[in-house]
N, C-alpha and C. Protein backbone atom coordinates (compact mmCIF):
# COMPACT_ATOMS: atom_id res chain seq x y z
N MET A 1 19.51 79.36 -15.40
CA MET A 1 19.59 77.72 -15.40
C MET A 1 20.47 77.52 -15.01
N THR A 2 20.62 76.40 -14.01
CA THR A 2 21.53 75.80 -13.43
C THR A 2 22.50 75.16 -14.65
N ASP A 3 21.54 74.10 -15.10
CA ASP A 3 21.87 73.17 -15.67
C ASP A 3 22.72 74.03 -17.11
N GLU A 4 22.61 75.18 -17.49
CA GLU A 4 23.39 75.60 -18.56
C GLU A 4 24.57 75.97 -18.48
N LYS A 5 25.80 75.24 -19.40
CA LYS A 5 26.95 75.48 -19.25
C LYS A 5 27.54 76.35 -19.69
N PRO A 6 28.81 77.44 -19.39
CA PRO A 6 29.70 78.35 -20.00
C PRO A 6 29.45 78.61 -21.36
N ILE A 7 29.32 79.47 -21.90
CA ILE A 7 29.20 79.79 -23.11
C ILE A 7 30.78 80.10 -23.69
N PRO A 8 30.92 78.60 -24.79
CA PRO A 8 32.60 78.82 -25.32
C PRO A 8 33.12 80.17 -25.50
N ASP A 9 34.54 80.05 -25.47
CA ASP A 9 35.24 80.98 -25.95
C ASP A 9 35.37 81.18 -27.39
N ALA A 10 34.59 82.04 -28.10
CA ALA A 10 34.95 82.13 -29.63
C ALA A 10 35.85 82.53 -29.87
N VAL A 11 36.56 82.96 -29.73
CA VAL A 11 37.92 84.04 -30.22
C VAL A 11 39.19 82.89 -31.06
N THR A 12 39.20 81.50 -30.89
CA THR A 12 39.94 80.51 -31.56
C THR A 12 39.27 80.67 -32.74
N ALA A 13 38.34 80.85 -32.98
CA ALA A 13 37.60 80.51 -34.26
C ALA A 13 38.27 80.90 -35.52
N THR A 14 38.78 79.92 -36.64
CA THR A 14 38.94 80.33 -37.93
C THR A 14 37.84 80.46 -38.71
N ARG A 15 37.79 81.70 -39.27
CA ARG A 15 36.93 82.28 -39.67
C ARG A 15 37.30 83.66 -40.90
N CYS A 16 36.63 84.06 -41.69
CA CYS A 16 36.95 85.25 -42.75
C CYS A 16 36.33 86.24 -41.92
N HIS A 17 36.47 87.24 -41.94
CA HIS A 17 36.03 88.24 -40.76
C HIS A 17 36.92 89.39 -40.95
N PRO A 18 35.93 90.75 -41.36
CA PRO A 18 36.90 92.16 -41.19
C PRO A 18 37.89 92.31 -40.33
N ARG A 19 37.47 91.39 -38.96
CA ARG A 19 37.79 91.78 -37.75
C ARG A 19 39.50 90.91 -37.53
N GLY A 20 39.37 89.75 -38.73
CA GLY A 20 40.22 88.80 -37.95
C GLY A 20 41.24 88.71 -39.09
N LEU A 21 40.82 87.25 -39.99
CA LEU A 21 41.62 87.59 -41.43
C LEU A 21 41.11 87.43 -42.65
N GLU A 22 41.18 87.55 -43.67
CA GLU A 22 40.70 88.50 -44.58
C GLU A 22 39.29 88.34 -44.87
N ARG A 23 39.22 89.48 -45.62
CA ARG A 23 37.85 89.93 -46.16
C ARG A 23 37.13 89.16 -46.71
N ARG A 24 35.94 88.56 -46.59
CA ARG A 24 35.09 87.55 -47.27
C ARG A 24 34.13 88.13 -48.22
N SER A 25 34.39 87.84 -49.85
CA SER A 25 33.63 88.46 -50.33
C SER A 25 32.97 87.37 -51.61
N VAL A 26 32.01 86.86 -51.81
CA VAL A 26 32.02 85.57 -52.36
C VAL A 26 30.56 86.02 -53.42
N THR A 27 30.93 85.77 -55.12
CA THR A 27 30.16 86.32 -55.95
C THR A 27 28.98 85.35 -56.35
N ASP A 28 27.92 85.58 -56.89
CA ASP A 28 26.53 84.77 -56.53
C ASP A 28 26.89 83.52 -57.41
N ALA A 29 27.61 83.68 -58.72
CA ALA A 29 28.07 82.58 -59.38
C ALA A 29 28.73 81.18 -58.23
N GLU A 30 29.69 81.65 -57.58
CA GLU A 30 30.54 81.18 -56.52
C GLU A 30 29.93 81.00 -55.34
N ASP A 31 28.76 81.08 -54.57
CA ASP A 31 28.59 80.96 -53.75
C ASP A 31 27.99 79.31 -52.92
N GLU A 32 28.43 78.47 -54.22
CA GLU A 32 28.32 77.12 -53.45
C GLU A 32 29.63 76.22 -53.03
N GLY A 33 30.36 77.35 -53.48
CA GLY A 33 31.94 77.13 -52.51
C GLY A 33 32.10 77.51 -51.35
N ASP A 34 33.38 77.24 -50.40
CA ASP A 34 33.32 77.63 -48.98
C ASP A 34 34.82 78.32 -49.45
N LYS A 35 35.31 78.83 -50.19
CA LYS A 35 36.51 79.93 -50.37
C LYS A 35 35.96 80.91 -50.49
N CYS A 36 37.19 81.92 -49.74
CA CYS A 36 37.12 83.23 -49.67
C CYS A 36 37.69 83.72 -51.04
N THR A 37 36.80 84.49 -51.84
CA THR A 37 37.37 85.24 -52.82
C THR A 37 37.47 86.72 -52.96
N ASN A 38 37.65 86.89 -53.95
CA ASN A 38 37.86 88.63 -54.34
C ASN A 38 36.40 88.48 -55.07
N GLY A 39 35.64 90.05 -55.03
CA GLY A 39 34.54 90.36 -55.74
C GLY A 39 33.40 90.68 -55.00
N PRO A 40 32.36 91.62 -55.74
CA PRO A 40 30.86 91.88 -55.23
C PRO A 40 29.81 90.36 -54.57
N ARG A 41 29.43 90.65 -53.78
CA ARG A 41 28.93 89.59 -53.32
C ARG A 41 27.13 90.28 -52.99
N LEU A 42 26.20 90.07 -53.47
CA LEU A 42 24.85 90.56 -53.27
C LEU A 42 24.33 90.49 -51.92
N ILE A 43 23.74 90.80 -51.12
CA ILE A 43 23.44 90.20 -49.53
C ILE A 43 21.98 90.61 -49.99
N PRO A 44 21.24 89.64 -49.50
CA PRO A 44 19.80 89.11 -49.65
C PRO A 44 18.94 90.25 -48.48
N SER A 45 17.24 90.65 -49.10
CA SER A 45 16.59 91.33 -47.99
C SER A 45 15.93 90.18 -47.52
N VAL A 46 15.51 90.77 -46.45
CA VAL A 46 14.48 89.69 -45.79
C VAL A 46 13.46 88.98 -46.97
N GLU A 47 12.87 89.95 -47.71
CA GLU A 47 11.56 89.74 -48.70
C GLU A 47 12.52 88.83 -49.71
N GLU A 48 13.86 89.00 -50.25
CA GLU A 48 14.34 88.21 -51.32
C GLU A 48 14.66 86.57 -50.55
N LEU A 49 15.07 86.84 -49.08
CA LEU A 49 15.13 85.70 -48.71
C LEU A 49 14.13 84.66 -48.39
N GLU A 50 13.03 85.21 -47.95
CA GLU A 50 11.70 84.82 -47.68
C GLU A 50 11.20 83.71 -49.20
N GLU A 51 11.40 84.53 -50.23
CA GLU A 51 11.41 84.01 -51.69
C GLU A 51 12.37 82.47 -51.95
N VAL A 52 13.35 82.55 -51.60
CA VAL A 52 14.22 81.30 -51.44
C VAL A 52 13.76 80.10 -50.27
N LEU A 53 13.72 81.14 -49.09
CA LEU A 53 12.91 80.20 -48.19
C LEU A 53 11.57 79.07 -48.86
N HIS A 54 10.56 79.93 -48.94
CA HIS A 54 10.20 79.47 -49.73
C HIS A 54 9.87 78.59 -50.78
N ALA A 55 10.63 78.86 -51.80
CA ALA A 55 10.40 77.75 -52.99
C ALA A 55 10.87 76.66 -52.75
N ALA A 56 11.84 76.03 -51.63
CA ALA A 56 12.53 74.83 -51.50
C ALA A 56 11.26 74.08 -50.80
N ALA A 57 11.73 72.76 -51.26
CA ALA A 57 10.62 71.66 -50.79
C ALA A 57 10.53 71.19 -49.44
N ARG A 58 9.13 71.01 -48.92
CA ARG A 58 9.16 70.89 -47.48
C ARG A 58 9.32 69.30 -46.87
N SER A 59 10.63 69.16 -45.96
CA SER A 59 10.43 67.99 -45.44
C SER A 59 9.95 67.70 -43.72
N CYS A 60 9.35 66.60 -43.37
CA CYS A 60 8.97 66.73 -42.07
C CYS A 60 9.38 65.87 -41.41
N ARG A 61 11.07 65.39 -41.54
CA ARG A 61 11.47 64.13 -41.18
C ARG A 61 11.67 64.91 -39.25
N HIS A 62 12.21 63.99 -38.53
CA HIS A 62 12.47 64.59 -37.04
C HIS A 62 13.81 65.31 -37.23
N CYS A 63 14.83 64.58 -38.42
CA CYS A 63 15.91 65.11 -38.00
C CYS A 63 16.96 64.78 -39.28
N ASP A 64 17.60 65.52 -39.75
CA ASP A 64 18.49 65.58 -41.03
C ASP A 64 19.88 66.03 -40.93
N GLU A 65 20.90 65.62 -41.31
CA GLU A 65 22.05 65.91 -41.83
C GLU A 65 22.06 66.60 -42.59
N VAL A 66 22.70 67.97 -42.49
CA VAL A 66 22.73 68.88 -42.97
C VAL A 66 24.02 69.26 -43.48
N TRP A 67 25.34 68.93 -42.88
CA TRP A 67 26.11 69.09 -43.23
C TRP A 67 27.25 67.69 -42.65
N PRO A 68 28.44 67.50 -42.84
CA PRO A 68 28.83 66.27 -42.42
C PRO A 68 28.65 66.26 -40.74
N ASN A 69 28.29 65.21 -40.12
CA ASN A 69 27.92 64.96 -38.96
C ASN A 69 27.74 66.17 -38.18
N LEU A 70 26.87 66.77 -38.75
CA LEU A 70 25.93 67.86 -37.80
C LEU A 70 24.29 68.10 -38.44
N TYR A 71 23.52 67.19 -37.53
CA TYR A 71 22.07 67.51 -37.60
C TYR A 71 21.24 68.43 -36.64
N LEU A 72 20.81 68.63 -38.10
CA LEU A 72 19.39 69.79 -37.61
C LEU A 72 18.05 69.12 -37.46
N GLY A 73 17.30 69.36 -36.54
CA GLY A 73 16.23 69.07 -36.25
C GLY A 73 15.33 69.56 -34.75
N ASP A 74 14.47 67.93 -34.61
CA ASP A 74 14.09 68.38 -33.24
C ASP A 74 14.50 67.26 -32.35
N ILE A 75 14.16 66.97 -31.07
CA ILE A 75 14.78 66.34 -29.86
C ILE A 75 14.68 64.69 -30.48
N PHE A 76 13.57 64.46 -31.34
CA PHE A 76 13.23 62.76 -31.48
C PHE A 76 14.47 62.26 -32.46
N GLY A 77 14.82 61.06 -32.33
CA GLY A 77 16.29 60.18 -32.91
C GLY A 77 16.94 60.29 -32.28
N LEU A 78 17.37 61.32 -31.38
CA LEU A 78 18.93 61.27 -30.79
C LEU A 78 19.19 60.47 -30.73
N TRP A 79 19.08 59.43 -29.77
CA TRP A 79 19.56 58.32 -29.25
C TRP A 79 20.14 57.65 -30.63
N GLN A 80 19.41 57.18 -31.77
CA GLN A 80 19.76 56.48 -32.80
C GLN A 80 20.99 57.04 -33.29
N LEU A 81 21.00 58.35 -33.36
CA LEU A 81 22.14 59.10 -34.23
C LEU A 81 23.53 58.70 -33.77
N GLY A 82 23.36 58.32 -32.40
CA GLY A 82 24.76 58.44 -31.92
C GLY A 82 25.41 60.05 -31.71
N VAL A 83 24.79 60.74 -31.33
CA VAL A 83 25.16 62.16 -31.23
C VAL A 83 25.91 62.13 -29.84
N THR A 84 27.19 63.19 -30.16
CA THR A 84 27.78 63.20 -29.00
C THR A 84 27.95 64.77 -28.40
N HIS A 85 27.45 65.74 -29.21
CA HIS A 85 27.21 66.82 -28.58
C HIS A 85 25.40 67.60 -28.98
N VAL A 86 25.26 68.29 -28.28
CA VAL A 86 23.71 68.48 -28.33
C VAL A 86 23.87 69.96 -28.24
N LEU A 87 23.41 71.29 -29.07
CA LEU A 87 22.76 72.41 -29.04
C LEU A 87 21.42 72.56 -29.41
N ASN A 88 20.82 72.77 -27.94
CA ASN A 88 19.59 73.28 -27.58
C ASN A 88 19.29 74.80 -27.93
N ALA A 89 18.69 75.20 -28.93
CA ALA A 89 18.11 76.25 -29.43
C ALA A 89 16.96 76.78 -28.53
N ALA A 90 16.47 75.93 -27.77
CA ALA A 90 15.44 76.17 -27.11
C ALA A 90 15.20 75.89 -25.49
N HIS A 91 16.88 76.24 -24.95
CA HIS A 91 17.15 75.66 -23.51
C HIS A 91 15.99 76.71 -22.50
N GLY A 92 15.78 75.72 -21.90
CA GLY A 92 14.80 75.76 -20.51
C GLY A 92 13.62 76.32 -20.65
N LYS A 93 12.83 76.17 -22.36
CA LYS A 93 11.89 76.39 -22.97
C LYS A 93 10.99 74.83 -22.28
N LEU A 94 9.57 75.07 -22.16
CA LEU A 94 8.62 73.82 -21.93
C LEU A 94 8.62 72.63 -22.67
N CYS A 95 8.80 73.27 -23.67
CA CYS A 95 8.80 71.82 -24.81
C CYS A 95 10.17 71.03 -24.85
N CYS A 96 11.37 71.96 -24.60
CA CYS A 96 12.62 71.45 -24.93
C CYS A 96 13.77 71.77 -23.34
N ARG A 97 13.27 70.33 -22.80
CA ARG A 97 14.31 70.46 -21.69
C ARG A 97 15.95 70.29 -22.07
N GLY A 98 16.74 71.00 -20.83
CA GLY A 98 17.77 71.22 -21.41
C GLY A 98 18.86 70.90 -20.28
N ASN A 99 19.44 69.56 -19.98
CA ASN A 99 19.85 69.38 -18.68
C ASN A 99 20.76 67.81 -19.24
N GLU A 100 21.78 67.68 -18.46
CA GLU A 100 22.70 66.49 -18.78
C GLU A 100 21.96 65.04 -18.20
N ASP A 101 21.00 65.68 -17.46
CA ASP A 101 20.34 64.11 -16.47
C ASP A 101 19.44 63.92 -17.69
N PHE A 102 18.91 64.66 -18.69
CA PHE A 102 18.12 64.52 -19.56
C PHE A 102 18.80 63.40 -20.65
N TYR A 103 19.83 64.65 -21.32
CA TYR A 103 20.55 63.99 -22.62
C TYR A 103 21.64 63.24 -22.33
N GLY A 104 22.27 62.68 -21.03
CA GLY A 104 22.85 61.47 -20.66
C GLY A 104 24.36 62.53 -20.33
N THR A 105 25.03 61.71 -19.51
CA THR A 105 26.51 62.09 -19.11
C THR A 105 27.04 62.07 -20.16
N THR A 106 27.15 61.27 -21.34
CA THR A 106 28.37 61.03 -22.25
C THR A 106 27.83 62.20 -23.22
N VAL A 107 26.68 62.99 -23.37
CA VAL A 107 26.65 63.78 -24.72
C VAL A 107 26.85 65.33 -24.04
N LYS A 108 27.89 66.33 -24.44
CA LYS A 108 28.20 67.75 -24.00
C LYS A 108 27.07 68.43 -24.62
N TYR A 109 26.91 69.09 -23.75
CA TYR A 109 25.71 70.15 -23.66
C TYR A 109 26.08 71.22 -23.70
N PHE A 110 24.90 72.00 -25.00
CA PHE A 110 25.40 73.48 -24.94
C PHE A 110 23.60 74.26 -25.23
N GLY A 111 23.20 74.89 -24.17
CA GLY A 111 21.95 75.55 -24.25
C GLY A 111 22.01 76.77 -24.76
N VAL A 112 20.99 77.40 -25.66
CA VAL A 112 20.72 78.54 -26.05
C VAL A 112 19.49 79.16 -25.50
N PRO A 113 18.71 79.76 -24.43
CA PRO A 113 17.65 80.32 -24.17
C PRO A 113 16.68 80.85 -25.36
N ALA A 114 16.69 80.39 -26.40
CA ALA A 114 15.86 81.52 -27.62
C ALA A 114 14.65 81.42 -27.15
N ASN A 115 13.67 82.50 -27.71
CA ASN A 115 12.33 82.31 -27.96
C ASN A 115 12.14 82.54 -29.71
N ASP A 116 11.23 81.75 -29.89
CA ASP A 116 11.15 81.67 -31.61
C ASP A 116 10.49 83.21 -31.53
N LEU A 117 10.57 84.22 -31.61
CA LEU A 117 10.09 85.46 -31.94
C LEU A 117 10.74 86.46 -32.79
N PRO A 118 10.31 87.54 -33.53
CA PRO A 118 11.28 88.25 -34.44
C PRO A 118 12.03 89.48 -33.20
N THR A 119 11.48 89.55 -32.42
CA THR A 119 11.93 90.26 -31.27
C THR A 119 13.19 90.29 -30.65
N PHE A 120 13.37 88.57 -30.41
CA PHE A 120 14.35 88.20 -29.55
C PHE A 120 15.80 88.66 -30.45
N ASP A 121 16.69 88.69 -29.55
CA ASP A 121 17.98 88.89 -30.52
C ASP A 121 19.11 87.43 -29.98
N LEU A 122 19.04 87.04 -31.27
CA LEU A 122 19.68 85.30 -31.26
C LEU A 122 21.23 85.82 -31.72
N SER A 123 21.45 86.96 -32.18
CA SER A 123 22.99 87.07 -32.34
C SER A 123 24.06 87.38 -31.60
N PRO A 124 23.82 87.29 -30.42
CA PRO A 124 24.71 87.24 -29.44
C PRO A 124 25.34 85.98 -29.24
N PHE A 125 24.48 85.26 -29.37
CA PHE A 125 24.32 83.46 -29.48
C PHE A 125 25.19 82.62 -30.68
N PHE A 126 25.46 83.54 -32.03
CA PHE A 126 25.98 83.17 -33.21
C PHE A 126 27.14 82.88 -33.15
N TYR A 127 28.02 83.75 -32.33
CA TYR A 127 29.40 83.20 -32.43
C TYR A 127 29.84 81.93 -31.52
N PRO A 128 28.97 82.16 -30.12
CA PRO A 128 29.27 80.91 -29.13
C PRO A 128 29.00 79.92 -29.76
N ALA A 129 27.57 80.09 -30.54
CA ALA A 129 27.06 78.34 -30.95
C ALA A 129 27.74 77.95 -32.18
N ALA A 130 28.49 78.77 -33.23
CA ALA A 130 29.15 78.44 -34.02
C ALA A 130 30.48 77.60 -33.69
N GLU A 131 31.37 78.36 -32.51
CA GLU A 131 32.12 77.43 -31.90
C GLU A 131 32.26 76.17 -31.36
N PHE A 132 31.03 76.32 -30.55
CA PHE A 132 30.81 75.04 -29.73
C PHE A 132 30.33 73.93 -30.94
N ILE A 133 29.70 74.17 -32.10
CA ILE A 133 29.58 73.33 -33.28
C ILE A 133 30.56 72.84 -33.73
N HIS A 134 31.80 73.95 -34.38
CA HIS A 134 33.32 73.77 -34.79
C HIS A 134 33.85 72.79 -33.50
N GLN A 135 34.25 73.13 -32.85
CA GLN A 135 34.90 72.05 -31.70
C GLN A 135 34.33 71.04 -31.93
N ALA A 136 33.21 70.77 -31.47
CA ALA A 136 32.98 69.43 -31.49
C ALA A 136 33.01 68.49 -32.99
N LEU A 137 33.04 69.45 -33.68
CA LEU A 137 33.12 68.52 -35.11
C LEU A 137 34.83 68.32 -35.35
N THR A 138 35.42 69.53 -35.21
CA THR A 138 36.92 68.89 -35.40
C THR A 138 37.37 68.48 -34.47
N SER A 139 36.35 67.69 -33.61
CA SER A 139 37.39 66.83 -32.31
C SER A 139 36.56 65.30 -32.93
N GLY A 140 35.92 65.16 -33.70
CA GLY A 140 34.62 63.88 -34.56
C GLY A 140 33.90 63.96 -33.84
N GLY A 141 33.30 64.36 -33.33
CA GLY A 141 31.70 64.29 -32.57
C GLY A 141 30.94 64.46 -33.35
N LYS A 142 29.60 64.01 -33.41
CA LYS A 142 28.67 64.11 -34.07
C LYS A 142 27.66 65.37 -33.14
N VAL A 143 27.14 66.61 -33.86
CA VAL A 143 26.02 67.26 -33.27
C VAL A 143 24.61 67.51 -33.37
N LEU A 144 23.78 67.76 -32.65
CA LEU A 144 22.54 67.81 -32.94
C LEU A 144 22.44 69.01 -32.63
N VAL A 145 21.89 70.21 -33.48
CA VAL A 145 21.61 71.33 -32.92
C VAL A 145 19.66 71.24 -33.13
N HIS A 146 18.82 71.27 -32.28
CA HIS A 146 17.46 71.79 -32.29
C HIS A 146 16.62 72.12 -31.52
N CYS A 147 15.21 72.51 -31.58
CA CYS A 147 14.61 73.47 -31.34
C CYS A 147 13.27 72.43 -30.73
N ALA A 148 12.48 73.30 -30.81
CA ALA A 148 11.15 72.74 -31.16
C ALA A 148 11.17 71.61 -32.28
N VAL A 149 11.01 72.39 -33.18
CA VAL A 149 10.86 71.75 -34.29
C VAL A 149 12.27 71.34 -35.58
N GLY A 150 12.93 72.76 -35.41
CA GLY A 150 13.92 72.38 -36.40
C GLY A 150 13.95 72.82 -37.20
N VAL A 151 13.35 74.39 -37.38
CA VAL A 151 12.92 74.85 -38.48
C VAL A 151 13.57 76.77 -38.49
N SER A 152 13.47 77.04 -37.24
CA SER A 152 13.51 78.92 -36.89
C SER A 152 15.14 78.96 -36.39
N ARG A 153 14.72 78.58 -34.85
CA ARG A 153 15.85 78.73 -33.96
C ARG A 153 16.67 78.31 -34.64
N SER A 154 17.37 77.11 -34.29
CA SER A 154 17.78 75.85 -34.58
C SER A 154 18.88 76.31 -35.57
N ALA A 155 17.63 76.52 -36.97
CA ALA A 155 18.40 76.43 -38.12
C ALA A 155 19.03 77.82 -38.25
N ALA A 156 18.63 79.02 -37.76
CA ALA A 156 19.24 79.82 -37.80
C ALA A 156 20.94 80.15 -36.90
N LEU A 157 20.86 78.98 -36.05
CA LEU A 157 22.34 78.51 -35.54
C LEU A 157 23.09 77.98 -36.39
N VAL A 158 22.50 77.34 -37.45
CA VAL A 158 23.56 76.26 -38.47
C VAL A 158 23.90 77.07 -39.18
N LEU A 159 23.06 78.42 -39.71
CA LEU A 159 23.64 78.97 -40.70
C LEU A 159 24.58 79.86 -40.51
N ALA A 160 24.42 80.33 -39.08
CA ALA A 160 25.79 81.26 -38.61
C ALA A 160 26.74 80.29 -38.89
N TYR A 161 26.88 79.14 -38.02
CA TYR A 161 28.15 78.44 -38.00
C TYR A 161 28.80 78.16 -39.82
N LEU A 162 27.94 77.87 -40.72
CA LEU A 162 28.32 78.19 -41.94
C LEU A 162 28.74 79.02 -42.44
N MET A 163 28.21 80.14 -41.80
CA MET A 163 28.89 81.59 -42.54
C MET A 163 30.23 81.88 -41.39
N ILE A 164 30.73 81.63 -40.53
CA ILE A 164 31.21 81.61 -39.74
C ILE A 164 32.75 81.14 -39.89
N HIS A 165 32.28 79.74 -39.93
CA HIS A 165 33.44 78.65 -39.91
C HIS A 165 33.61 77.97 -41.44
N HIS A 166 32.94 78.67 -42.26
CA HIS A 166 33.13 78.09 -43.71
C HIS A 166 32.90 78.89 -45.06
N CYS A 167 33.52 80.24 -43.91
CA CYS A 167 33.03 81.77 -45.09
C CYS A 167 32.43 81.41 -46.38
N ARG A 168 30.71 81.12 -45.86
CA ARG A 168 29.96 80.91 -46.96
C ARG A 168 29.05 82.23 -46.90
N THR A 169 28.35 82.54 -47.78
CA THR A 169 27.50 83.85 -47.34
C THR A 169 26.32 83.37 -46.45
N LEU A 170 25.10 83.99 -46.55
CA LEU A 170 24.05 83.44 -45.79
C LEU A 170 23.01 83.04 -47.32
N LEU A 171 23.29 83.23 -48.49
CA LEU A 171 22.89 82.69 -49.46
C LEU A 171 22.83 81.29 -49.25
N SER A 172 23.96 80.99 -49.81
CA SER A 172 24.79 80.14 -50.10
C SER A 172 24.49 79.00 -48.82
N SER A 173 24.49 79.44 -47.57
CA SER A 173 24.37 78.57 -46.26
C SER A 173 23.04 77.80 -46.29
N VAL A 174 21.71 79.02 -46.71
CA VAL A 174 20.70 78.40 -46.55
C VAL A 174 20.65 77.81 -48.15
N ARG A 175 21.07 77.89 -48.87
CA ARG A 175 20.93 77.00 -50.11
C ARG A 175 21.68 75.52 -49.68
N CYS A 176 22.58 75.54 -49.04
CA CYS A 176 23.40 74.13 -48.44
C CYS A 176 22.22 73.63 -48.10
N VAL A 177 21.74 74.02 -46.67
CA VAL A 177 21.03 73.33 -45.78
C VAL A 177 19.30 72.87 -46.55
N GLN A 178 18.90 73.66 -47.37
CA GLN A 178 17.43 73.37 -47.73
C GLN A 178 17.73 72.17 -48.55
N GLN A 179 19.25 71.50 -48.96
CA GLN A 179 19.56 70.25 -49.89
C GLN A 179 18.96 69.10 -49.42
N LYS A 180 18.82 69.41 -47.92
CA LYS A 180 18.71 68.49 -47.22
C LYS A 180 17.55 68.45 -46.30
N ARG A 181 16.84 69.84 -45.68
CA ARG A 181 16.00 70.13 -45.04
C ARG A 181 15.40 71.60 -45.18
N TRP A 182 14.05 71.25 -45.10
CA TRP A 182 13.45 72.62 -45.12
C TRP A 182 13.74 73.49 -44.00
N ILE A 183 13.73 74.77 -43.99
CA ILE A 183 13.96 75.65 -42.87
C ILE A 183 13.13 76.92 -43.00
N PHE A 184 12.89 77.85 -42.36
CA PHE A 184 12.40 78.92 -42.37
C PHE A 184 12.60 79.61 -40.83
N PRO A 185 13.51 80.44 -40.70
CA PRO A 185 13.91 81.17 -39.79
C PRO A 185 13.03 82.21 -39.78
N ASN A 186 12.09 82.75 -38.57
CA ASN A 186 11.63 84.10 -38.55
C ASN A 186 12.23 85.41 -38.65
N ARG A 187 11.28 86.18 -39.18
CA ARG A 187 11.76 87.44 -40.03
C ARG A 187 12.89 88.02 -39.18
N GLY A 188 12.65 88.16 -37.89
CA GLY A 188 13.82 88.76 -36.93
C GLY A 188 15.00 88.01 -37.07
N PHE A 189 15.29 86.61 -37.05
CA PHE A 189 16.30 85.94 -37.13
C PHE A 189 17.11 86.23 -38.57
N MET A 190 15.92 86.10 -39.73
CA MET A 190 16.51 86.37 -40.97
C MET A 190 17.14 87.94 -41.05
N GLN A 191 16.41 88.91 -40.48
CA GLN A 191 17.67 90.46 -40.52
C GLN A 191 18.78 90.15 -39.58
N GLN A 192 19.06 89.21 -38.03
CA GLN A 192 20.19 89.33 -37.89
C GLN A 192 21.22 88.42 -38.93
N LEU A 193 20.82 87.93 -39.21
CA LEU A 193 21.60 86.76 -40.10
C LEU A 193 22.00 87.26 -41.65
N ILE A 194 20.93 88.72 -41.94
CA ILE A 194 21.57 89.47 -43.07
C ILE A 194 22.70 90.66 -42.42
N ALA A 195 22.54 90.94 -41.07
CA ALA A 195 23.52 91.67 -40.53
C ALA A 195 24.81 90.71 -40.24
N LEU A 196 24.50 89.50 -40.31
CA LEU A 196 26.18 89.32 -39.86
C LEU A 196 26.69 88.64 -41.35
N ASP A 197 25.93 88.32 -42.49
CA ASP A 197 26.07 88.25 -43.41
C ASP A 197 26.95 89.53 -43.95
N ARG A 198 26.67 90.62 -43.75
CA ARG A 198 26.77 92.25 -43.80
C ARG A 198 28.39 92.49 -43.33
N GLU A 199 28.19 91.95 -41.91
CA GLU A 199 29.53 92.25 -41.07
C GLU A 199 30.62 91.40 -41.59
N LEU A 200 30.10 90.15 -42.13
CA LEU A 200 31.64 89.38 -42.19
C LEU A 200 31.79 89.60 -43.84
N GLN A 201 31.27 90.17 -44.58
CA GLN A 201 31.55 90.51 -45.99
C GLN A 201 32.47 92.17 -46.16
N ASP A 202 32.01 92.89 -44.57
CA ASP A 202 32.20 94.16 -44.50
C ASP A 202 31.41 95.33 -45.33
N VAL A 203 30.33 94.66 -45.52
CA VAL A 203 29.37 95.51 -46.98
C VAL A 203 28.72 96.87 -45.58
N PRO A 204 28.96 98.24 -45.91
CA PRO A 204 28.44 99.21 -45.18
C PRO A 204 26.90 98.93 -45.42
N THR A 205 25.64 99.22 -44.51
CA THR A 205 24.35 98.89 -44.44
C THR A 205 23.47 99.34 -45.60
N GLN A 206 24.20 100.76 -45.66
CA GLN A 206 23.37 101.62 -47.08
C GLN A 206 23.41 101.14 -48.15
N GLN A 207 25.05 100.53 -48.52
CA GLN A 207 25.40 100.00 -49.72
C GLN A 207 24.78 98.73 -49.93
N ALA A 208 24.56 97.85 -49.00
CA ALA A 208 23.86 96.43 -48.92
C ALA A 208 22.28 96.83 -49.31
N GLN A 209 21.67 97.52 -48.77
CA GLN A 209 20.49 97.94 -48.95
C GLN A 209 20.09 98.45 -50.63
N ASN A 210 21.27 99.03 -50.77
CA ASN A 210 21.18 99.67 -52.39
C ASN A 210 20.79 98.50 -53.68
N ARG A 211 21.62 97.09 -53.53
CA ARG A 211 21.60 96.34 -54.11
C ARG A 211 20.54 95.58 -54.36
N THR A 212 20.57 94.78 -55.73
CA THR A 212 19.34 93.79 -55.79
C THR A 212 19.73 92.73 -55.91
N LEU A 213 19.29 91.51 -55.20
CA LEU A 213 20.02 90.44 -55.39
C LEU A 213 18.54 89.50 -56.50
N PRO A 214 19.50 89.08 -57.34
CA PRO A 214 19.03 88.48 -58.35
C PRO A 214 18.61 87.03 -57.95
N ILE A 215 17.09 86.37 -57.83
CA ILE A 215 16.66 85.43 -57.25
C ILE A 215 16.42 84.17 -58.46
């Protein structure tokens, strides 16, 4: 699509990452915080994550502020929010137009052409999308991350942002967003987020699979 802007360079991100700064590991009792701490942290399986997601109260609002100046939802209500940046997780799809003519010349736009299918690999967009959100928020902007409904594609990218830029675990990120909005990424996105959680904590795959998460 000609209206899609180049993916921002993610190398400037400040995050707890085994390839960059200190290793992130947060205990289950501390998972509501944002700090990088020492100690083992259990990584959920897809089934355990689904249990946490199912347990949350459902909301049906068009948009919710899930982090200061970070909104998650569908496209409706964009103009009332005073949004300065839009991350469209359904770029180019029939139900979600994505270009500056639609969003307005005063809105900075980043499109992710994702399909809401378990077979779609959203992980290559985790860091670029997180960097787009990070740069927008640190510059004083208001960001809307949306897809068709604001439950799966866009939610997965918001979770990745919280994990990458705020050193939160996947479970902590889910619980943080659940306080404001019901979300349910598809199983494929859950697996990719679990892999990101494991990568950020530098936990080998087999070791993570051998752990049991107390829900």
